[in-house]
C-alpha atoms as a PDB file:
ATOM      1  CA  UNK A   1      70.705   9.771 103.620  1.00  0.00           C
ATOM      2  CA  UNK A   2      66.988   9.094 103.549  1.00  0.00           C
ATOM      3  CA  UNK A   3      65.518   5.731 102.603  1.00  0.00           C
ATOM      4  CA  UNK A   4      64.600   6.823  99.049  1.00  0.00           C
ATOM      5  CA  UNK A   5      68.191   8.052  98.406  1.00  0.00           C
ATOM      6  CA  UNK A   6      69.570   4.914  99.981  1.00  0.00           C
ATOM      7  CA  UNK A   7      67.410   2.644  97.789  1.00  0.00           C
ATOM      8  CA  UNK A   8      68.418   4.552  94.630  1.00  0.00           C
ATOM      9  CA  UNK A   9      72.090   4.218  95.599  1.00  0.00           C
ATOM     10  CA  UNK A  10      71.662   0.456  96.143  1.00  0.00           C
ATOM     11  CA  UNK A  11      69.837  -0.070  92.809  1.00  0.00           C
ATOM     12  CA  UNK A  12      72.442   2.071  90.994  1.00  0.00           C
ATOM     13  CA  UNK A  13      75.228   0.074  92.590  1.00  0.00           C
ATOM     14  CA  UNK A  14      73.684  -3.196  91.652  1.00  0.00           C
ATOM     15  CA  UNK A  15      73.155  -2.153  88.062  1.00  0.00           C
ATOM     16  CA  UNK A  16      76.668  -0.851  87.722  1.00  0.00           C
ATOM     17  CA  UNK A  17      78.163  -3.964  89.202  1.00  0.00           C
ATOM     18  CA  UNK A  18      76.170  -6.093  86.724  1.00  0.00           C
ATOM     19  CA  UNK A  19      77.772  -4.057  83.911  1.00  0.00           C
ATOM     20  CA  UNK A  20      81.281  -5.069  85.056  1.00  0.00           C
ATOM     21  CA  UNK A  21      81.593  -8.768  84.003  1.00  0.00           C
ATOM     22  CA  UNK A  22      85.417  -8.664  84.182  1.00  0.00           C
ATOM     23  CA  UNK A  23      85.420  -7.488  87.775  1.00  0.00           C
ATOM     24  CA  UNK A  24      87.096  -9.940  90.070  1.00  0.00           C
ATOM     25  CA  UNK A  25      84.829  -9.956  93.103  1.00  0.00           C
ATOM     26  CA  UNK A  26      85.426 -12.101  96.189  1.00  0.00           C
ATOM     27  CA  UNK A  27      82.402 -14.424  96.707  1.00  0.00           C
ATOM     28  CA  UNK A  28      80.605 -12.742  93.881  1.00  0.00           C
ATOM     29  CA  UNK A  29      79.314 -10.226  96.400  1.00  0.00           C
ATOM     30  CA  UNK A  30      77.001  -7.552  94.994  1.00  0.00           C
ATOM     31  CA  UNK A  31      78.334  -4.085  95.349  1.00  0.00           C
ATOM     32  CA  UNK A  32      75.594  -2.844  97.715  1.00  0.00           C
ATOM     33  CA  UNK A  33      76.325  -5.757 100.094  1.00  0.00           C
ATOM     34  CA  UNK A  34      80.041  -5.001  99.904  1.00  0.00           C
ATOM     35  CA  UNK A  35      79.425  -1.365 100.628  1.00  0.00           C
ATOM     36  CA  UNK A  36      77.259  -2.186 103.667  1.00  0.00           C
ATOM     37  CA  UNK A  37      80.088  -4.261 105.066  1.00  0.00           C
ATOM     38  CA  UNK A  38      82.625  -1.546 104.375  1.00  0.00           C
ATOM     39  CA  UNK A  39      80.462   1.082 106.032  1.00  0.00           C
ATOM     40  CA  UNK A  40      80.220  -1.072 109.162  1.00  0.00           C
ATOM     41  CA  UNK A  41      83.974  -1.404 109.233  1.00  0.00           C
ATOM     42  CA  UNK A  42      84.425   2.321 108.828  1.00  0.00           C
ATOM     43  CA  UNK A  43      81.977   3.027 111.680  1.00  0.00           C
ATOM     44  CA  UNK A  44      83.833   0.553 113.946  1.00  0.00           C
ATOM     45  CA  UNK A  45      87.043   2.457 113.153  1.00  0.00           C
ATOM     46  CA  UNK A  46      85.504   5.631 114.538  1.00  0.00           C
ATOM     47  CA  UNK A  47      84.440   7.426 111.346  1.00  0.00           C
ATOM     48  CA  UNK A  48      81.292   9.537 111.534  1.00  0.00           C
ATOM     49  CA  UNK A  49      78.077   8.233 110.012  1.00  0.00           C
ATOM     50  CA  UNK A  50      77.375  11.651 108.528  1.00  0.00           C
ATOM     51  CA  UNK A  51      80.696  11.562 106.674  1.00  0.00           C
ATOM     52  CA  UNK A  52      79.912   8.131 105.252  1.00  0.00           C
ATOM     53  CA  UNK A  53      76.428   9.287 104.141  1.00  0.00           C
ATOM     54  CA  UNK A  54      77.929  12.245 102.335  1.00  0.00           C
ATOM     55  CA  UNK A  55      80.805  10.291 100.810  1.00  0.00           C
ATOM     56  CA  UNK A  56      78.755   7.422  99.518  1.00  0.00           C
ATOM     57  CA  UNK A  57      75.610   9.227  98.310  1.00  0.00           C
ATOM     58  CA  UNK A  58      74.870   7.761  94.938  1.00  0.00           C
ATOM     59  CA  UNK A  59      78.258   5.964  94.730  1.00  0.00           C
ATOM     60  CA  UNK A  60      78.413   3.002  92.284  1.00  0.00           C
ATOM     61  CA  UNK A  61      81.338   1.164  90.661  1.00  0.00           C
ATOM     62  CA  UNK A  62      82.639   2.901  87.551  1.00  0.00           C
ATOM     63  CA  UNK A  63      83.709   0.825  84.579  1.00  0.00           C
ATOM     64  CA  UNK A  64      85.910   3.604  83.293  1.00  0.00           C
ATOM     65  CA  UNK A  65      88.004   3.486  86.490  1.00  0.00           C
ATOM     66  CA  UNK A  66      88.908  -0.182  85.779  1.00  0.00           C
ATOM     67  CA  UNK A  67      89.785   0.564  82.146  1.00  0.00           C
ATOM     68  CA  UNK A  68      92.272   3.232  83.269  1.00  0.00           C
ATOM     69  CA  UNK A  69      93.654   0.973  86.002  1.00  0.00           C
ATOM     70  CA  UNK A  70      94.450  -1.674  83.376  1.00  0.00           C
ATOM     71  CA  UNK A  71      96.207   0.781  80.994  1.00  0.00           C
ATOM     72  CA  UNK A  72      98.579   2.916  83.013  1.00  0.00           C
ATOM     73  CA  UNK A  73     100.943   4.887  80.669  1.00  0.00           C
ATOM     74  CA  UNK A  74     104.031   4.290  82.788  1.00  0.00           C
ATOM     75  CA  UNK A  75     103.569   0.535  82.174  1.00  0.00           C
ATOM     76  CA  UNK A  76     102.523   0.329  78.526  1.00  0.00           C
ATOM     77  CA  UNK A  77     104.698   3.082  77.038  1.00  0.00           C
ATOM     78  CA  UNK A  78     108.413   2.896  76.342  1.00  0.00           C
ATOM     79  CA  UNK A  79     110.553   5.486  78.064  1.00  0.00           C
ATOM     80  CA  UNK A  80     110.881   7.574  74.909  1.00  0.00           C
ATOM     81  CA  UNK A  81     107.153   7.516  74.309  1.00  0.00           C
ATOM     82  CA  UNK A  82     106.452   8.455  77.888  1.00  0.00           C
ATOM     83  CA  UNK A  83     109.084  11.199  77.972  1.00  0.00           C
ATOM     84  CA  UNK A  84     107.780  12.772  74.750  1.00  0.00           C
ATOM     85  CA  UNK A  85     104.307  12.845  76.304  1.00  0.00           C
ATOM     86  CA  UNK A  86     105.258  14.524  79.552  1.00  0.00           C
ATOM     87  CA  UNK A  87     108.272  16.679  78.627  1.00  0.00           C
ATOM     88  CA  UNK A  88     108.037  19.080  75.745  1.00  0.00           C
ATOM     89  CA  UNK A  89     109.044  22.639  74.848  1.00  0.00           C
ATOM     90  CA  UNK A  90     105.846  24.136  76.159  1.00  0.00           C
ATOM     91  CA  UNK A  91     106.113  22.416  79.495  1.00  0.00           C
ATOM     92  CA  UNK A  92     109.783  23.345  79.867  1.00  0.00           C
ATOM     93  CA  UNK A  93     109.053  27.018  79.076  1.00  0.00           C
ATOM     94  CA  UNK A  94     106.017  27.096  81.411  1.00  0.00           C
ATOM     95  CA  UNK A  95     108.108  25.389  84.131  1.00  0.00           C
ATOM     96  CA  UNK A  96     110.765  28.111  83.887  1.00  0.00           C
ATOM     97  CA  UNK A  97     108.057  30.821  84.088  1.00  0.00           C
ATOM     98  CA  UNK A  98     106.430  29.101  87.124  1.00  0.00           C
ATOM     99  CA  UNK A  99     109.832  28.746  88.800  1.00  0.00           C
ATOM    100  CA  UNK A 100     110.550  32.429  88.349  1.00  0.00           C
ATOM    101  CA  UNK A 101     107.106  33.744  89.326  1.00  0.00           C
ATOM    102  CA  UNK A 102     107.058  31.604  92.490  1.00  0.00           C
ATOM    103  CA  UNK A 103     110.702  32.145  93.507  1.00  0.00           C
ATOM    104  CA  UNK A 104     109.908  34.006  96.757  1.00  0.00           C
ATOM    105  CA  UNK A 105     107.426  31.349  97.881  1.00  0.00           C
ATOM    106  CA  UNK A 106     109.613  28.452  96.831  1.00  0.00           C
ATOM    107  CA  UNK A 107     112.502  30.068  98.757  1.00  0.00           C
ATOM    108  CA  UNK A 108     110.390  30.060 101.906  1.00  0.00           C
ATOM    109  CA  UNK A 109     109.379  26.466 101.338  1.00  0.00           C
ATOM    110  CA  UNK A 110     112.837  25.091 100.706  1.00  0.00           C
ATOM    111  CA  UNK A 111     114.192  26.983 103.695  1.00  0.00           C
ATOM    112  CA  UNK A 112     112.014  24.625 105.862  1.00  0.00           C
ATOM    113  CA  UNK A 113     112.127  21.614 103.550  1.00  0.00           C
ATOM    114  CA  UNK A 114     115.523  21.524 101.699  1.00  0.00           C
ATOM    115  CA  UNK A 115     114.719  20.432  98.163  1.00  0.00           C
ATOM    116  CA  UNK A 116     115.963  22.171  94.957  1.00  0.00           C
ATOM    117  CA  UNK A 117     112.974  24.241  93.691  1.00  0.00           C
ATOM    118  CA  UNK A 118     113.219  22.806  90.156  1.00  0.00           C
ATOM    119  CA  UNK A 119     112.254  19.405  91.408  1.00  0.00           C
ATOM    120  CA  UNK A 120     109.163  20.743  93.179  1.00  0.00           C
ATOM    121  CA  UNK A 121     108.083  22.467  89.945  1.00  0.00           C
ATOM    122  CA  UNK A 122     108.901  19.363  87.808  1.00  0.00           C
ATOM    123  CA  UNK A 123     106.717  17.114  89.996  1.00  0.00           C
ATOM    124  CA  UNK A 124     103.936  19.738  89.950  1.00  0.00           C
ATOM    125  CA  UNK A 125     104.232  19.848  86.168  1.00  0.00           C
ATOM    126  CA  UNK A 126     104.198  16.124  85.492  1.00  0.00           C
ATOM    127  CA  UNK A 127     101.449  15.346  87.952  1.00  0.00           C
ATOM    128  CA  UNK A 128      98.892  18.043  87.092  1.00  0.00           C
ATOM    129  CA  UNK A 129     100.380  20.297  84.427  1.00  0.00           C
ATOM    130  CA  UNK A 130     101.059  23.010  87.086  1.00  0.00           C
ATOM    131  CA  UNK A 131      97.736  22.468  88.820  1.00  0.00           C
ATOM    132  CA  UNK A 132      95.667  22.621  85.673  1.00  0.00           C
ATOM    133  CA  UNK A 133      94.603  18.947  85.443  1.00  0.00           C
ATOM    134  CA  UNK A 134      93.813  17.615  88.926  1.00  0.00           C
ATOM    135  CA  UNK A 135      91.295  14.965  87.842  1.00  0.00           C
ATOM    136  CA  UNK A 136      87.558  15.074  87.745  1.00  0.00           C
ATOM    137  CA  UNK A 137      86.599  11.780  89.441  1.00  0.00           C
ATOM    138  CA  UNK A 138      84.788  11.615  92.662  1.00  0.00           C
ATOM    139  CA  UNK A 139      87.471  10.190  94.969  1.00  0.00           C
ATOM    140  CA  UNK A 140      85.092   8.018  96.901  1.00  0.00           C
ATOM    141  CA  UNK A 141      83.559   6.473  93.768  1.00  0.00           C
ATOM    142  CA  UNK A 142      86.949   5.813  92.319  1.00  0.00           C
ATOM    143  CA  UNK A 143      88.417   4.300  95.426  1.00  0.00           C
ATOM    144  CA  UNK A 144      85.233   2.257  96.118  1.00  0.00           C
ATOM    145  CA  UNK A 145      85.414   0.828  92.563  1.00  0.00           C
ATOM    146  CA  UNK A 146      89.035  -0.210  93.027  1.00  0.00           C
ATOM    147  CA  UNK A 147      88.514  -1.493  96.558  1.00  0.00           C
ATOM    148  CA  UNK A 148      85.536  -3.594  95.270  1.00  0.00           C
ATOM    149  CA  UNK A 149      87.672  -4.916  92.411  1.00  0.00           C
ATOM    150  CA  UNK A 150      89.693  -7.932  93.422  1.00  0.00           C
ATOM    151  CA  UNK A 151      93.036  -7.017  91.793  1.00  0.00           C
ATOM    152  CA  UNK A 152      94.356  -4.636  94.497  1.00  0.00           C
ATOM    153  CA  UNK A 153      91.384  -4.480  96.838  1.00  0.00           C
ATOM    154  CA  UNK A 154      93.351  -4.421 100.120  1.00  0.00           C
ATOM    155  CA  UNK A 155      95.428  -1.403  99.082  1.00  0.00           C
ATOM    156  CA  UNK A 156      92.481   0.554  97.811  1.00  0.00           C
ATOM    157  CA  UNK A 157      90.276  -0.420 100.765  1.00  0.00           C
ATOM    158  CA  UNK A 158      92.807   1.253 103.086  1.00  0.00           C
ATOM    159  CA  UNK A 159      93.032   4.287 100.810  1.00  0.00           C
ATOM    160  CA  UNK A 160      89.214   4.597 100.886  1.00  0.00           C
ATOM    161  CA  UNK A 161      89.320   4.563 104.702  1.00  0.00           C
ATOM    162  CA  UNK A 162      92.009   7.230 104.581  1.00  0.00           C
ATOM    163  CA  UNK A 163      89.950   9.399 102.260  1.00  0.00           C
ATOM    164  CA  UNK A 164      87.101   9.162 104.735  1.00  0.00           C
ATOM    165  CA  UNK A 165      89.449  10.204 107.530  1.00  0.00           C
ATOM    166  CA  UNK A 166      90.377  13.319 105.594  1.00  0.00           C
ATOM    167  CA  UNK A 167      86.728  14.200 105.106  1.00  0.00           C
ATOM    168  CA  UNK A 168      86.071  13.422 108.701  1.00  0.00           C
ATOM    169  CA  UNK A 169      88.652  16.090 109.718  1.00  0.00           C
ATOM    170  CA  UNK A 170      86.681  18.695 107.774  1.00  0.00           C
ATOM    171  CA  UNK A 171      89.479  19.422 105.367  1.00  0.00           C
ATOM    172  CA  UNK A 172      87.182  19.284 102.360  1.00  0.00           C
ATOM    173  CA  UNK A 173      83.550  18.521 101.799  1.00  0.00           C
ATOM    174  CA  UNK A 174      83.331  14.936 100.437  1.00  0.00           C
ATOM    175  CA  UNK A 175      81.533  16.197  97.306  1.00  0.00           C
ATOM    176  CA  UNK A 176      84.512  18.472  96.529  1.00  0.00           C
ATOM    177  CA  UNK A 177      87.138  15.720  96.985  1.00  0.00           C
ATOM    178  CA  UNK A 178      87.850  15.035  93.295  1.00  0.00           C
ATOM    179  CA  UNK A 179      91.011  13.484  91.858  1.00  0.00           C
ATOM    180  CA  UNK A 180      92.450  10.961  89.434  1.00  0.00           C
ATOM    181  CA  UNK A 181      90.967   7.626  88.517  1.00  0.00           C
ATOM    182  CA  UNK A 182      93.133   6.016  91.266  1.00  0.00           C
ATOM    183  CA  UNK A 183      92.071   8.488  93.967  1.00  0.00           C
ATOM    184  CA  UNK A 184      95.121  10.729  93.792  1.00  0.00           C
ATOM    185  CA  UNK A 185      94.134  14.199  94.909  1.00  0.00           C
ATOM    186  CA  UNK A 186      94.961  17.888  94.417  1.00  0.00           C
ATOM    187  CA  UNK A 187      97.720  19.647  92.554  1.00  0.00           C
ATOM    188  CA  UNK A 188     100.272  17.250  94.050  1.00  0.00           C
ATOM    189  CA  UNK A 189      98.221  14.158  93.299  1.00  0.00           C
ATOM    190  CA  UNK A 190      98.643  12.661  96.764  1.00  0.00           C
ATOM    191  CA  UNK A 191      96.911   9.395  97.586  1.00  0.00           C
ATOM    192  CA  UNK A 192      94.884   9.717 100.774  1.00  0.00           C
ATOM    193  CA  UNK A 193      97.596   7.965 102.809  1.00  0.00           C
ATOM    194  CA  UNK A 194     100.224  10.330 101.437  1.00  0.00           C
ATOM    195  CA  UNK A 195      98.047  13.256 102.313  1.00  0.00           C
ATOM    196  CA  UNK A 196      97.766  12.134 105.939  1.00  0.00           C
ATOM    197  CA  UNK A 197     101.488  11.491 106.156  1.00  0.00           C
ATOM    198  CA  UNK A 198     102.960  14.486 104.265  1.00  0.00           C
ATOM    199  CA  UNK A 199     100.466  17.225 103.419  1.00  0.00           C
ATOM    200  CA  UNK A 200     101.456  20.565 104.998  1.00  0.00           C
ATOM    201  CA  UNK A 201      99.454  23.606 106.066  1.00  0.00           C
ATOM    202  CA  UNK A 202     102.183  26.012 105.051  1.00  0.00           C
ATOM    203  CA  UNK A 203     100.016  29.142 104.972  1.00  0.00           C
ATOM    204  CA  UNK A 204      98.722  28.481 108.444  1.00  0.00           C
ATOM    205  CA  UNK A 205      94.947  28.699 107.660  1.00  0.00           C
ATOM    206  CA  UNK A 206      94.155  25.523 109.581  1.00  0.00           C
ATOM    207  CA  UNK A 207      94.068  22.994 106.744  1.00  0.00           C
ATOM    208  CA  UNK A 208      96.549  21.549 104.290  1.00  0.00           C
ATOM    209  CA  UNK A 209      94.824  22.503 101.000  1.00  0.00           C
ATOM    210  CA  UNK A 210      96.664  20.725  98.218  1.00  0.00           C
ATOM    211  CA  UNK A 211      93.691  21.472  95.887  1.00  0.00           C
ATOM    212  CA  UNK A 212      93.713  25.284  95.902  1.00  0.00           C
ATOM    213  CA  UNK A 213      96.616  26.737  97.899  1.00  0.00           C
ATOM    214  CA  UNK A 214      99.957  26.893  96.051  1.00  0.00           C
ATOM    215  CA  UNK A 215     101.957  27.317  99.304  1.00  0.00           C
ATOM    216  CA  UNK A 216     100.496  24.105 100.684  1.00  0.00           C
ATOM    217  CA  UNK A 217     101.038  22.309  97.404  1.00  0.00           C
ATOM    218  CA  UNK A 218     104.739  23.210  97.195  1.00  0.00           C
ATOM    219  CA  UNK A 219     105.427  22.514 100.884  1.00  0.00           C
ATOM    220  CA  UNK A 220     103.620  19.212 100.715  1.00  0.00           C
ATOM    221  CA  UNK A 221     105.706  18.064  97.735  1.00  0.00           C
ATOM    222  CA  UNK A 222     108.933  19.169  99.454  1.00  0.00           C
ATOM    223  CA  UNK A 223     107.953  17.623 102.798  1.00  0.00           C
ATOM    224  CA  UNK A 224     107.212  14.289 101.076  1.00  0.00           C
ATOM    225  CA  UNK A 225     110.645  14.249  99.393  1.00  0.00           C
ATOM    226  CA  UNK A 226     112.531  15.261 102.537  1.00  0.00           C
ATOM    227  CA  UNK A 227     110.791  12.678 104.643  1.00  0.00           C
ATOM    228  CA  UNK A 228     111.605   9.794 102.341  1.00  0.00           C
ATOM    229  CA  UNK A 229     115.301  10.679 102.113  1.00  0.00           C
ATOM    230  CA  UNK A 230     115.959  13.570  99.650  1.00  0.00           C
ATOM    231  CA  UNK A 231     119.528  14.928  99.536  1.00  0.00           C
ATOM    232  CA  UNK A 232     119.505  18.560  98.614  1.00  0.00           C
ATOM    233  CA  UNK A 233     123.225  18.557  97.774  1.00  0.00           C
ATOM    234  CA  UNK A 234     122.795  15.957  95.110  1.00  0.00           C
ATOM    235  CA  UNK A 235     120.894  15.773  91.818  1.00  0.00           C
ATOM    236  CA  UNK A 236     118.823  12.872  90.612  1.00  0.00           C
ATOM    237  CA  UNK A 237     121.219  11.427  87.994  1.00  0.00           C
ATOM    238  CA  UNK A 238     122.595  12.104  84.512  1.00  0.00           C
ATOM    239  CA  UNK A 239     122.375  10.677  81.074  1.00  0.00           C
ATOM    240  CA  UNK A 240     125.378   8.320  80.569  1.00  0.00           C
ATOM    241  CA  UNK A 241     127.339   6.646  77.805  1.00  0.00           C
ATOM    242  CA  UNK A 242     128.071   2.981  78.174  1.00  0.00           C
ATOM    243  CA  UNK A 243     131.155   1.425  76.560  1.00  0.00           C
ATOM    244  CA  UNK A 244     130.911  -1.309  73.918  1.00  0.00           C
ATOM    245  CA  UNK A 245     130.518  -4.708  75.383  1.00  0.00           C
ATOM    246  CA  UNK A 246     129.376  -3.388  78.716  1.00  0.00           C
ATOM    247  CA  UNK A 247     128.205  -6.124  81.099  1.00  0.00           C
ATOM    248  CA  UNK A 248     124.469  -5.823  81.079  1.00  0.00           C
ATOM    249  CA  UNK A 249     124.194  -7.581  84.451  1.00  0.00           C
ATOM    250  CA  UNK A 250     125.459  -4.301  85.916  1.00  0.00           C
ATOM    251  CA  UNK A 251     122.419  -2.447  84.556  1.00  0.00           C
ATOM    252  CA  UNK A 252     120.240  -2.897  87.601  1.00  0.00           C
ATOM    253  CA  UNK A 253     119.134   0.223  89.457  1.00  0.00           C
ATOM    254  CA  UNK A 254     117.508  -1.850  92.156  1.00  0.00           C
ATOM    255  CA  UNK A 255     120.487  -3.894  93.230  1.00  0.00           C
ATOM    256  CA  UNK A 256     123.828  -2.772  91.685  1.00  0.00           C
ATOM    257  CA  UNK A 257     125.135   0.429  93.282  1.00  0.00           C
ATOM    258  CA  UNK A 258     128.796   1.432  92.991  1.00  0.00           C
ATOM    259  CA  UNK A 259     130.915   4.494  93.702  1.00  0.00           C
ATOM    260  CA  UNK A 260     131.310   6.829  90.727  1.00  0.00           C
ATOM    261  CA  UNK A 261     135.010   5.975  90.588  1.00  0.00           C
ATOM    262  CA  UNK A 262     134.198   2.380  89.897  1.00  0.00           C
ATOM    263  CA  UNK A 263     131.765   3.226  87.091  1.00  0.00           C
ATOM    264  CA  UNK A 264     134.462   5.470  85.655  1.00  0.00           C
ATOM    265  CA  UNK A 265     136.926   2.557  85.717  1.00  0.00           C
ATOM    266  CA  UNK A 266     134.365   0.330  83.937  1.00  0.00           C
ATOM    267  CA  UNK A 267     134.233   2.849  81.082  1.00  0.00           C
ATOM    268  CA  UNK A 268     130.990   4.663  81.921  1.00  0.00           C
ATOM    269  CA  UNK A 269     131.075   8.335  80.876  1.00  0.00           C
ATOM    270  CA  UNK A 270     128.708  11.288  80.664  1.00  0.00           C
ATOM    271  CA  UNK A 271     126.524  11.486  77.592  1.00  0.00           C
ATOM    272  CA  UNK A 272     129.009  13.833  75.845  1.00  0.00           C
ATOM    273  CA  UNK A 273     131.994  11.540  76.597  1.00  0.00           C
ATOM    274  CA  UNK A 274     133.385  13.533  79.545  1.00  0.00           C
ATOM    275  CA  UNK A 275     134.596  11.832  82.731  1.00  0.00           C
ATOM    276  CA  UNK A 276     132.119  11.266  85.500  1.00  0.00           C
ATOM    277  CA  UNK A 277     132.088  13.789  88.352  1.00  0.00           C
ATOM    278  CA  UNK A 278     134.785  13.467  90.980  1.00  0.00           C
ATOM    279  CA  UNK A 279     132.400  13.085  93.915  1.00  0.00           C
ATOM    280  CA  UNK A 280     132.060  10.521  96.671  1.00  0.00           C
ATOM    281  CA  UNK A 281     128.661   9.279  95.424  1.00  0.00           C
ATOM    282  CA  UNK A 282     127.130   5.914  94.897  1.00  0.00           C
ATOM    283  CA  UNK A 283     125.187   5.390  91.689  1.00  0.00           C
ATOM    284  CA  UNK A 284     123.384   2.802  89.585  1.00  0.00           C
ATOM    285  CA  UNK A 285     122.557   2.452  85.919  1.00  0.00           C
ATOM    286  CA  UNK A 286     119.037   2.497  84.554  1.00  0.00           C
ATOM    287  CA  UNK A 287     118.284   1.826  80.891  1.00  0.00           C
ATOM    288  CA  UNK A 288     114.493   1.566  80.659  1.00  0.00           C
ATOM    289  CA  UNK A 289     114.226   0.787  76.986  1.00  0.00           C
ATOM    290  CA  UNK A 290     116.996  -1.786  76.846  1.00  0.00           C
ATOM    291  CA  UNK A 291     120.253  -2.230  74.950  1.00  0.00           C
ATOM    292  CA  UNK A 292     121.167   0.496  72.473  1.00  0.00           C
ATOM    293  CA  UNK A 293     118.875   3.141  73.997  1.00  0.00           C
ATOM    294  CA  UNK A 294     119.404   5.958  76.438  1.00  0.00           C
ATOM    295  CA  UNK A 295     121.079   5.026  79.737  1.00  0.00           C
ATOM    296  CA  UNK A 296     121.177   6.952  82.980  1.00  0.00           C
ATOM    297  CA  UNK A 297     123.537   7.052  85.888  1.00  0.00           C
ATOM    298  CA  UNK A 298     121.166   7.526  88.810  1.00  0.00           C
ATOM    299  CA  UNK A 299     121.786   8.648  92.376  1.00  0.00           C
ATOM    300  CA  UNK A 300     119.857   8.195  95.636  1.00  0.00           C
ATOM    301  CA  UNK A 301     117.385  10.954  94.832  1.00  0.00           C
ATOM    302  CA  UNK A 302     116.269   8.886  91.843  1.00  0.00           C
ATOM    303  CA  UNK A 303     115.128   6.249  94.325  1.00  0.00           C
ATOM    304  CA  UNK A 304     113.333   8.932  96.328  1.00  0.00           C
ATOM    305  CA  UNK A 305     111.385   9.992  93.171  1.00  0.00           C
ATOM    306  CA  UNK A 306     110.530   6.300  92.642  1.00  0.00           C
ATOM    307  CA  UNK A 307     109.009   6.244  96.139  1.00  0.00           C
ATOM    308  CA  UNK A 308     106.613   8.891  94.733  1.00  0.00           C
ATOM    309  CA  UNK A 309     105.830   6.784  91.640  1.00  0.00           C
ATOM    310  CA  UNK A 310     107.400   3.383  91.177  1.00  0.00           C
ATOM    311  CA  UNK A 311     108.129   3.893  87.476  1.00  0.00           C
ATOM    312  CA  UNK A 312     111.534   4.396  85.931  1.00  0.00           C
ATOM    313  CA  UNK A 313     109.882   6.232  83.088  1.00  0.00           C
ATOM    314  CA  UNK A 314     108.296   8.686  85.583  1.00  0.00           C
ATOM    315  CA  UNK A 315     111.437   9.168  87.719  1.00  0.00           C
ATOM    316  CA  UNK A 316     113.812   9.797  84.808  1.00  0.00           C
ATOM    317  CA  UNK A 317     111.287  12.126  83.090  1.00  0.00           C
ATOM    318  CA  UNK A 318     110.858  14.180  86.248  1.00  0.00           C
ATOM    319  CA  UNK A 319     114.635  14.428  86.580  1.00  0.00           C
ATOM    320  CA  UNK A 320     115.229  15.476  83.039  1.00  0.00           C
ATOM    321  CA  UNK A 321     112.397  18.033  83.191  1.00  0.00           C
ATOM    322  CA  UNK A 322     113.815  19.477  86.450  1.00  0.00           C
ATOM    323  CA  UNK A 323     117.216  19.841  84.720  1.00  0.00           C
ATOM    324  CA  UNK A 324     115.568  21.579  81.744  1.00  0.00           C
ATOM    325  CA  UNK A 325     113.564  23.927  83.998  1.00  0.00           C
ATOM    326  CA  UNK A 326     116.275  25.061  86.385  1.00  0.00           C
ATOM    327  CA  UNK A 327     119.971  25.484  86.958  1.00  0.00           C
ATOM    328  CA  UNK A 328     121.790  22.176  87.450  1.00  0.00           C
END
């Protein structure tokens, strides 16, 4: 970066920071000063100066990123609103088509990473509409904005370092690393830390390309699920029917897990009134919209999906979409 470019970037950063009065900034540090300090830290951690120059060319804090951070749909929507948004007839039909047309590739992937293909396709669908909507934000600008912001700065500072590590490996040119407002990348929407931990070069071309290579996308999704505890002989859960007067203290998917037989004895049934499966499984109950709304009996794979995205709305919607896409 020459001095003229550097000066333009500093002035742009200062102007953008001034336009963000709601930004919680430690010590009221101007963005250009913050970025200089961050660059020094990155250099000390072994990142190449050329990578930093490319990644931060013209980067300034983006007000739109903060607006999106404050209004995440999993948080502000009810389950039914969120479900209606991400699961519809078109997405189900498209999911079935994608499952069929990619059956051979998915078969190869799940032979190595045992995950039911319908869940791979469902996550692909919910995250990026089957790779169609991967996000148009410069990952470095988005992550720098969120790292500079005081709300979750430590988390995003580390993710920014991880994004630089990816660029440093030559996986993608920094200018081509585009993603969501939060820095999630590619068709699988991996955060940089998830990319470094779980992305797979399934086609063997020397890089794990979750942006453009479907084999790598599917394998990376499956590898993530397997590594965080997926059980390929179980599903995610089922819609359930709770009896009248059911003890609401038992509706706690974080802490209250019981064998299916105990839930059966407490009067819990499948949504159509049939008995629960006769399997040696532990389950919990989730009811995201509260009393009188849909309830779900969830298994350990539900918790795995929540490792991907810590939202009950997201996890239940992915599970229901997977069921609608493929054989259960």
